[in-house]
Amino acid sequence: MTGLPDYDDLPLRAGLPCAWDVWTDDGDAFGCLNLLTEERAAAAGQLIERGRAFALNWSMRLPDPPLFGRASYRHEITGDDVSTSHDDVLHSWNTQSSSQWDGFRHIRNHAALEDEPGTGHFGGVADGDHGVDHWARRGIVGRGVLADIARWRERQGRPLRCDRADDVGADELLACLADQGTEVDEGDVLLVRFGWVGWYEEQPTEVRERIADRSELRAPGLRPGDELARTLWNLHIAAIGCDNPSVEVWPPGVLLPEDRMAEVRADQRRLHEAFGHTVLLPMLGLPLGEMFALDDLAADCAADGRYDFFFSSAPLNLPSGVASPPNALAIK
């Protein structure tokens, strides 16, 4: 154990618990990824028994149309049918249009921007100095664990509704892990399955086109707020990756009564009550993965009762990159 403080013992910045001072040297480029030590990577390798690999990237063509108003890319293949060689050229490709890691440039905390030196990004680091290229040069390697919320809720008689803002509390996340018999160790990469990717693949074109409109999208996810931030930090995980569009329930603020939402809008220090990204990324340095393809992995875990595995991810070595496909594998 590294002796990380509990959430409630973290120093405050802009009135919020903050992990900017937890790591030294170039630690602000990595945040919680600092927990992925060589020793933990070597230990995770011992989890490989059958050599079964699960690729966790979804098709780059999905969702189609892309969510949140992002542009569709155009795939150009150079040359013609008799050319000696071809090249790929991607036009208008958005690194967040399918499976992705949110990097620390993606979201800033405006209370920190106003009250603290720096940019409001994790560590107060200059905007252009953050980038997924830092993560790419080190790689993301260690023990992965899966919380199969979708199966757990099904067994509880409360199946998740993937077309609704169906929220999952931090207490439910812990209950799911306990029911699976899954212990989360410091430095683990936590994967959470809501079943949204599989649900989306079954939807007709008219549903896909409707929810591509940001105002129409409703999706299950973790309930934002202090309890979520406290729970994820106190697990001391290195990162969290989910199979829904936003890790947390969508849209932001959907769970709050209008009077409380008005208070949140008026106070930047409370924005995480509606949109947890604003604390998890810039204040705690916790990488967030979205739209990971987890169904095959989850089925295998349910079959053999093992919910831990060797996990690797190779983000794009994109200088100052905001986000990246995970290029992730789980190996059992």
Protein backbone atom coordinates (compact mmCIF):
# COMPACT_ATOMS: atom_id res chain seq x y z
CA MET A 1 0.00 0.00 0.00
CA THR A 2 1.21 3.50 -0.81
CA GLY A 3 -0.44 5.16 2.16
CA LEU A 4 -2.84 7.24 0.08
CA PRO A 5 -5.12 9.41 2.20
CA ASP A 6 -8.83 8.71 2.39
CA TYR A 7 -11.08 10.99 0.39
CA ASP A 8 -12.12 12.98 3.46
CA ASP A 9 -8.47 13.49 4.41
CA LEU A 10 -7.40 14.92 1.06
CA PRO A 11 -6.37 18.58 1.11
CA LEU A 12 -8.97 21.01 -0.20
CA ARG A 13 -8.57 23.15 -3.27
CA ALA A 14 -11.40 25.44 -4.33
CA GLY A 15 -13.30 23.86 -1.43
CA LEU A 16 -13.07 20.36 -2.92
CA PRO A 17 -11.01 17.28 -1.94
CA CYS A 18 -8.09 17.30 -4.32
CA ALA A 19 -5.23 14.91 -5.18
CA TRP A 20 -2.94 17.44 -6.87
CA ASP A 21 -0.37 17.13 -4.08
CA VAL A 22 -0.44 13.35 -3.71
CA TRP A 23 2.22 12.55 -6.31
CA THR A 24 5.51 14.32 -6.98
CA ASP A 25 7.87 14.75 -9.95
CA ASP A 26 5.82 14.29 -13.15
CA GLY A 27 2.95 12.63 -11.28
CA ASP A 28 0.44 15.24 -12.40
CA ALA A 29 0.58 13.84 -15.93
CA PHE A 30 -0.60 10.45 -14.65
CA GLY A 31 -2.81 11.01 -11.61
CA CYS A 32 -4.10 7.69 -10.35
CA LEU A 33 -2.17 5.89 -13.08
CA ASN A 34 0.85 6.40 -10.82
CA LEU A 35 -0.49 3.37 -8.95
CA LEU A 36 0.37 1.11 -11.89
CA THR A 37 3.81 0.06 -10.71
CA GLU A 38 6.09 -2.47 -12.36
CA GLU A 39 5.59 -4.78 -9.38
CA ARG A 40 1.81 -4.68 -9.82
CA ALA A 41 2.12 -5.30 -13.55
CA ALA A 42 4.30 -8.35 -12.91
CA ALA A 43 1.85 -9.69 -10.33
CA ALA A 44 -1.05 -9.17 -12.75
CA GLY A 45 0.73 -11.34 -15.28
CA GLN A 46 0.29 -14.28 -12.92
CA LEU A 47 -3.48 -14.05 -13.48
CA ILE A 48 -3.13 -15.40 -17.01
CA GLU A 49 -4.13 -19.07 -16.91
CA ARG A 50 -5.89 -19.95 -20.17
CA GLY A 51 -4.44 -17.25 -22.39
CA ARG A 52 -7.94 -16.19 -23.50
CA ALA A 53 -7.81 -12.58 -24.69
CA PHE A 54 -10.78 -10.23 -24.83
CA ALA A 55 -10.46 -7.15 -27.03
CA LEU A 56 -12.31 -4.29 -25.34
CA ASN A 57 -12.41 -1.75 -28.18
CA TRP A 58 -15.83 -1.38 -29.81
CA SER A 59 -16.02 -0.99 -33.59
CA MET A 60 -14.79 2.45 -34.63
CA ARG A 61 -17.98 2.73 -36.72
CA LEU A 62 -20.15 2.65 -33.58
CA PRO A 63 -22.11 4.40 -32.34
CA ASP A 64 -23.51 5.48 -35.67
CA PRO A 65 -24.35 8.33 -35.80
CA PRO A 66 -21.83 9.42 -33.13
CA LEU A 67 -23.21 10.72 -29.85
CA PHE A 68 -23.03 14.24 -28.39
CA GLY A 69 -23.04 15.94 -31.78
CA ARG A 70 -19.62 14.61 -32.74
CA ALA A 71 -18.88 14.34 -36.44
CA SER A 72 -18.80 11.07 -38.35
CA TYR A 73 -15.44 10.28 -39.83
CA ARG A 74 -14.84 9.40 -43.46
CA HIS A 75 -12.52 6.49 -44.21
CA GLU A 76 -10.51 7.05 -47.35
CA ILE A 77 -8.41 4.20 -48.76
CA THR A 78 -5.79 5.51 -51.13
CA GLY A 79 -5.05 3.91 -54.47
CA ASP A 80 -7.36 1.81 -56.59
CA ASP A 81 -8.15 -1.85 -57.23
CA VAL A 82 -4.84 -2.48 -58.99
CA SER A 83 -2.56 -0.32 -56.84
CA THR A 84 0.53 -1.93 -55.36
CA SER A 85 -0.37 -0.53 -51.96
CA HIS A 86 -3.10 1.21 -50.02
CA ASP A 87 -3.10 3.65 -47.11
CA ASP A 88 -5.85 4.61 -44.67
CA VAL A 89 -6.81 8.27 -44.30
CA LEU A 90 -9.39 9.20 -41.66
CA HIS A 91 -11.11 12.52 -42.23
CA SER A 92 -12.84 14.32 -39.32
CA TRP A 93 -12.10 11.47 -36.92
CA ASN A 94 -12.89 12.31 -33.28
CA THR A 95 -10.90 10.25 -30.76
CA GLN A 96 -13.99 10.17 -28.50
CA SER A 97 -16.43 8.87 -31.09
CA SER A 98 -16.22 5.23 -29.91
CA SER A 99 -14.39 3.37 -27.10
CA GLN A 100 -12.22 5.95 -25.37
CA TRP A 101 -10.17 7.10 -22.43
CA ASP A 102 -10.96 10.63 -21.30
CA GLY A 103 -7.61 12.32 -20.72
CA PHE A 104 -7.01 15.13 -18.25
CA ARG A 105 -7.40 17.83 -20.93
CA HIS A 106 -11.00 16.78 -21.51
CA ILE A 107 -12.57 18.44 -18.45
CA ARG A 108 -11.49 21.29 -16.21
CA ASN A 109 -12.96 22.33 -12.87
CA HIS A 110 -14.03 25.96 -13.07
CA ALA A 111 -13.93 26.50 -9.32
CA ALA A 112 -10.27 25.44 -9.35
CA LEU A 113 -9.68 27.62 -12.39
CA GLU A 114 -10.99 30.62 -10.48
CA ASP A 115 -9.43 29.90 -7.07
CA GLU A 116 -6.13 28.12 -7.75
CA PRO A 117 -3.02 28.75 -9.83
CA GLY A 118 -3.16 27.05 -13.20
CA THR A 119 -5.77 25.94 -15.66
CA GLY A 120 -8.36 24.03 -13.64
CA HIS A 121 -7.04 20.81 -15.15
CA PHE A 122 -5.50 18.13 -12.92
CA GLY A 123 -2.51 19.50 -11.05
CA GLY A 124 -3.07 22.96 -12.46
CA VAL A 125 -0.97 21.80 -15.42
CA ALA A 126 -0.91 24.00 -18.52
CA ASP A 127 -3.59 22.93 -20.97
CA GLY A 128 -1.21 21.86 -23.74
CA ASP A 129 1.14 20.06 -21.34
CA HIS A 130 -1.46 17.44 -20.50
CA GLY A 131 -1.94 14.73 -23.07
CA VAL A 132 -2.58 11.04 -23.58
CA ASP A 133 0.93 10.80 -25.01
CA HIS A 134 2.20 10.67 -21.40
CA TRP A 135 0.03 7.60 -20.78
CA ALA A 136 1.04 6.07 -24.12
CA ARG A 137 4.75 6.21 -23.35
CA ARG A 138 4.23 4.29 -20.11
CA GLY A 139 1.28 2.11 -21.09
CA ILE A 140 -1.59 1.12 -18.81
CA VAL A 141 -0.84 -2.36 -17.48
CA GLY A 142 -1.99 -4.13 -14.33
CA ARG A 143 -4.75 -6.11 -12.69
CA GLY A 144 -8.24 -5.53 -14.02
CA VAL A 145 -11.47 -6.32 -12.20
CA LEU A 146 -15.01 -6.35 -13.58
CA ALA A 147 -18.17 -5.25 -11.80
CA ASP A 148 -20.99 -6.72 -13.88
CA ILE A 149 -23.72 -4.36 -12.73
CA ALA A 150 -26.06 -5.46 -15.54
CA ARG A 151 -26.08 -9.13 -14.45
CA TRP A 152 -26.21 -8.22 -10.78
CA ARG A 153 -29.22 -5.94 -11.23
CA GLU A 154 -30.92 -8.63 -13.31
CA ARG A 155 -30.51 -11.07 -10.43
CA GLN A 156 -31.92 -8.46 -8.05
CA GLY A 157 -35.08 -8.32 -10.14
CA ARG A 158 -34.30 -4.72 -11.15
CA PRO A 159 -32.82 -4.97 -14.65
CA LEU A 160 -31.14 -1.82 -15.93
CA ARG A 161 -33.08 0.14 -18.51
CA CYS A 162 -30.58 1.20 -21.12
CA ASP A 163 -32.93 3.73 -22.68
CA ARG A 164 -33.42 5.52 -19.36
CA ALA A 165 -31.32 7.59 -16.97
CA ASP A 166 -31.19 4.57 -14.66
CA ASP A 167 -28.73 5.45 -11.91
CA VAL A 168 -26.50 3.08 -9.97
CA GLY A 169 -25.34 4.26 -6.56
CA ALA A 170 -21.86 3.78 -5.18
CA ASP A 171 -23.37 1.44 -2.61
CA GLU A 172 -24.73 -0.73 -5.40
CA LEU A 173 -21.33 -0.84 -7.08
CA LEU A 174 -19.81 -2.15 -3.84
CA ALA A 175 -22.69 -4.59 -3.34
CA CYS A 176 -22.17 -5.98 -6.85
CA LEU A 177 -18.46 -6.52 -6.21
CA ALA A 178 -19.21 -8.20 -2.88
CA ASP A 179 -21.84 -10.47 -4.46
CA GLN A 180 -19.29 -11.55 -7.09
CA GLY A 181 -16.71 -12.17 -4.37
CA THR A 182 -14.45 -9.63 -6.08
CA GLU A 183 -11.90 -7.76 -4.02
CA VAL A 184 -10.53 -4.52 -5.43
CA ASP A 185 -6.85 -3.97 -4.71
CA GLU A 186 -4.95 -0.71 -4.83
CA GLY A 187 -3.88 0.09 -8.37
CA ASP A 188 -6.54 -2.04 -10.09
CA VAL A 189 -8.30 -0.94 -13.26
CA LEU A 190 -12.02 -1.23 -12.51
CA LEU A 191 -14.31 -2.09 -15.43
CA VAL A 192 -18.06 -1.62 -14.98
CA ARG A 193 -20.63 -3.21 -17.29
CA PHE A 194 -24.08 -1.68 -17.63
CA GLY A 195 -24.96 -3.60 -20.79
CA TRP A 196 -25.39 -0.43 -22.85
CA VAL A 197 -23.09 -1.40 -25.75
CA GLY A 198 -24.96 -4.67 -26.29
CA TRP A 199 -28.29 -2.88 -26.03
CA TYR A 200 -27.21 -0.27 -28.59
CA GLU A 201 -26.20 -2.92 -31.12
CA GLU A 202 -29.78 -4.25 -31.05
CA GLN A 203 -31.41 -0.87 -31.73
CA PRO A 204 -32.95 0.07 -35.09
CA THR A 205 -31.70 3.00 -37.13
CA GLU A 206 -34.44 5.34 -35.92
CA VAL A 207 -33.46 4.86 -32.26
CA ARG A 208 -29.76 5.35 -33.03
CA GLU A 209 -30.51 8.54 -34.95
CA ARG A 210 -32.73 9.89 -32.19
CA ILE A 211 -30.27 9.37 -29.34
CA ALA A 212 -27.43 10.87 -31.37
CA ASP A 213 -29.16 14.14 -30.48
CA ARG A 214 -27.58 15.13 -27.16
CA SER A 215 -30.94 16.35 -25.82
CA GLU A 216 -32.55 12.95 -26.51
CA LEU A 217 -29.90 10.64 -25.06
CA ARG A 218 -30.77 8.86 -21.82
CA ALA A 219 -28.38 6.23 -20.48
CA PRO A 220 -27.72 4.34 -17.24
CA GLY A 221 -24.61 5.03 -15.22
CA LEU A 222 -23.14 5.78 -11.84
CA ARG A 223 -24.90 8.37 -9.69
CA PRO A 224 -22.67 11.47 -9.48
CA GLY A 225 -21.86 13.30 -6.27
CA ASP A 226 -19.63 13.19 -3.25
CA GLU A 227 -20.40 9.56 -2.45
CA LEU A 228 -19.27 8.40 -5.89
CA ALA A 229 -16.07 10.44 -5.70
CA ARG A 230 -15.42 9.20 -2.15
CA THR A 231 -16.02 5.55 -3.05
CA LEU A 232 -13.92 5.52 -6.22
CA TRP A 233 -11.05 7.36 -4.56
CA ASN A 234 -11.12 5.18 -1.44
CA LEU A 235 -10.92 2.05 -3.61
CA HIS A 236 -7.57 3.53 -4.78
CA ILE A 237 -8.09 2.28 -8.32
CA ALA A 238 -5.85 3.42 -11.15
CA ALA A 239 -8.69 4.02 -13.63
CA ILE A 240 -12.32 3.13 -14.33
CA GLY A 241 -13.68 1.98 -17.68
CA CYS A 242 -17.38 1.47 -18.45
CA ASP A 243 -19.50 0.33 -21.37
CA ASN A 244 -21.89 3.29 -21.30
CA PRO A 245 -21.49 6.71 -22.96
CA SER A 246 -20.42 8.72 -19.91
CA VAL A 247 -19.48 6.50 -16.92
CA GLU A 248 -22.11 8.36 -14.92
CA VAL A 249 -25.82 8.52 -15.61
CA TRP A 250 -26.84 10.72 -18.53
CA PRO A 251 -27.96 13.49 -18.82
CA PRO A 252 -26.17 15.47 -16.10
CA GLY A 253 -28.46 16.73 -13.37
CA VAL A 254 -31.33 14.46 -14.33
CA LEU A 255 -31.50 13.09 -10.78
CA LEU A 256 -31.69 16.46 -9.05
CA PRO A 257 -34.87 18.39 -8.26
CA GLU A 258 -35.04 21.70 -10.08
CA ASP A 259 -34.41 23.85 -6.99
CA ARG A 260 -31.26 21.91 -6.13
CA MET A 261 -30.12 21.95 -9.75
CA ALA A 262 -30.48 25.74 -9.72
CA GLU A 263 -28.17 25.86 -6.68
CA VAL A 264 -25.65 23.65 -8.44
CA ARG A 265 -25.65 25.85 -11.53
CA ALA A 266 -24.98 28.86 -9.33
CA ASP A 267 -22.03 27.31 -7.46
CA GLN A 268 -19.13 25.80 -9.43
CA ARG A 269 -18.03 23.93 -6.29
CA ARG A 270 -21.19 21.84 -6.49
CA LEU A 271 -21.15 21.03 -10.19
CA HIS A 272 -19.97 17.47 -9.51
CA GLU A 273 -23.34 16.78 -7.87
CA ALA A 274 -24.75 16.87 -11.40
CA PHE A 275 -21.68 15.96 -13.45
CA GLY A 276 -19.06 13.88 -11.66
CA HIS A 277 -16.49 14.30 -14.43
CA THR A 278 -15.71 17.75 -12.99
CA VAL A 279 -14.20 16.18 -9.85
CA LEU A 280 -13.08 12.73 -11.01
CA LEU A 281 -10.82 13.97 -13.82
CA PRO A 282 -9.48 17.41 -12.80
CA MET A 283 -9.46 17.10 -8.99
CA LEU A 284 -8.78 13.39 -8.36
CA GLY A 285 -6.85 12.50 -11.53
CA LEU A 286 -8.93 9.39 -12.24
CA PRO A 287 -8.97 8.40 -15.94
CA LEU A 288 -12.44 7.61 -17.23
CA GLY A 289 -13.13 5.04 -19.93
CA GLU A 290 -16.36 5.04 -21.92
CA MET A 291 -18.06 2.68 -24.38
CA PHE A 292 -15.70 -0.21 -23.70
CA ALA A 293 -16.93 -3.50 -25.21
CA LEU A 294 -17.35 -5.70 -22.14
CA ASP A 295 -20.04 -8.26 -23.01
CA ASP A 296 -17.76 -11.16 -24.02
CA LEU A 297 -15.50 -10.62 -21.03
CA ALA A 298 -18.50 -10.47 -18.70
CA ALA A 299 -19.94 -13.71 -20.08
CA ASP A 300 -16.62 -15.48 -19.49
CA CYS A 301 -16.36 -14.10 -15.95
CA ALA A 302 -19.88 -15.27 -15.19
CA ALA A 303 -19.05 -18.73 -16.55
CA ASP A 304 -15.88 -19.32 -14.54
CA GLY A 305 -16.62 -17.11 -11.52
CA ARG A 306 -13.35 -15.17 -11.93
CA TYR A 307 -13.74 -11.44 -12.27
CA ASP A 308 -10.06 -10.46 -12.28
CA PHE A 309 -7.62 -10.63 -15.17
CA PHE A 310 -4.50 -9.15 -16.71
CA PHE A 311 -5.34 -5.77 -18.26
CA SER A 312 -3.37 -3.77 -20.81
CA SER A 313 -4.11 -0.60 -22.71
CA ALA A 314 -1.99 1.29 -25.24
CA PRO A 315 -3.41 4.80 -25.79
CA LEU A 316 -2.40 6.76 -28.86
CA ASN A 317 0.96 8.49 -28.61
CA LEU A 318 -0.73 11.74 -29.59
CA PRO A 319 1.14 14.77 -28.19
CA SER A 320 -1.23 16.93 -26.11
CA GLY A 321 -4.05 14.54 -27.01
CA VAL A 322 -7.36 15.05 -25.22
CA ALA A 323 -8.52 11.44 -25.46
CA SER A 324 -7.71 8.11 -27.07
CA PRO A 325 -9.17 4.75 -27.99
CA PRO A 326 -8.04 2.40 -25.22
CA ASN A 327 -6.62 -0.37 -27.45
CA ALA A 328 -7.34 -2.51 -24.41
CA LEU A 329 -7.09 -6.24 -23.76
CA ALA A 330 -8.24 -8.35 -20.83
CA ILE A 331 -6.42 -11.70 -20.67
CA LYS A 332 -7.48 -14.59 -18.41
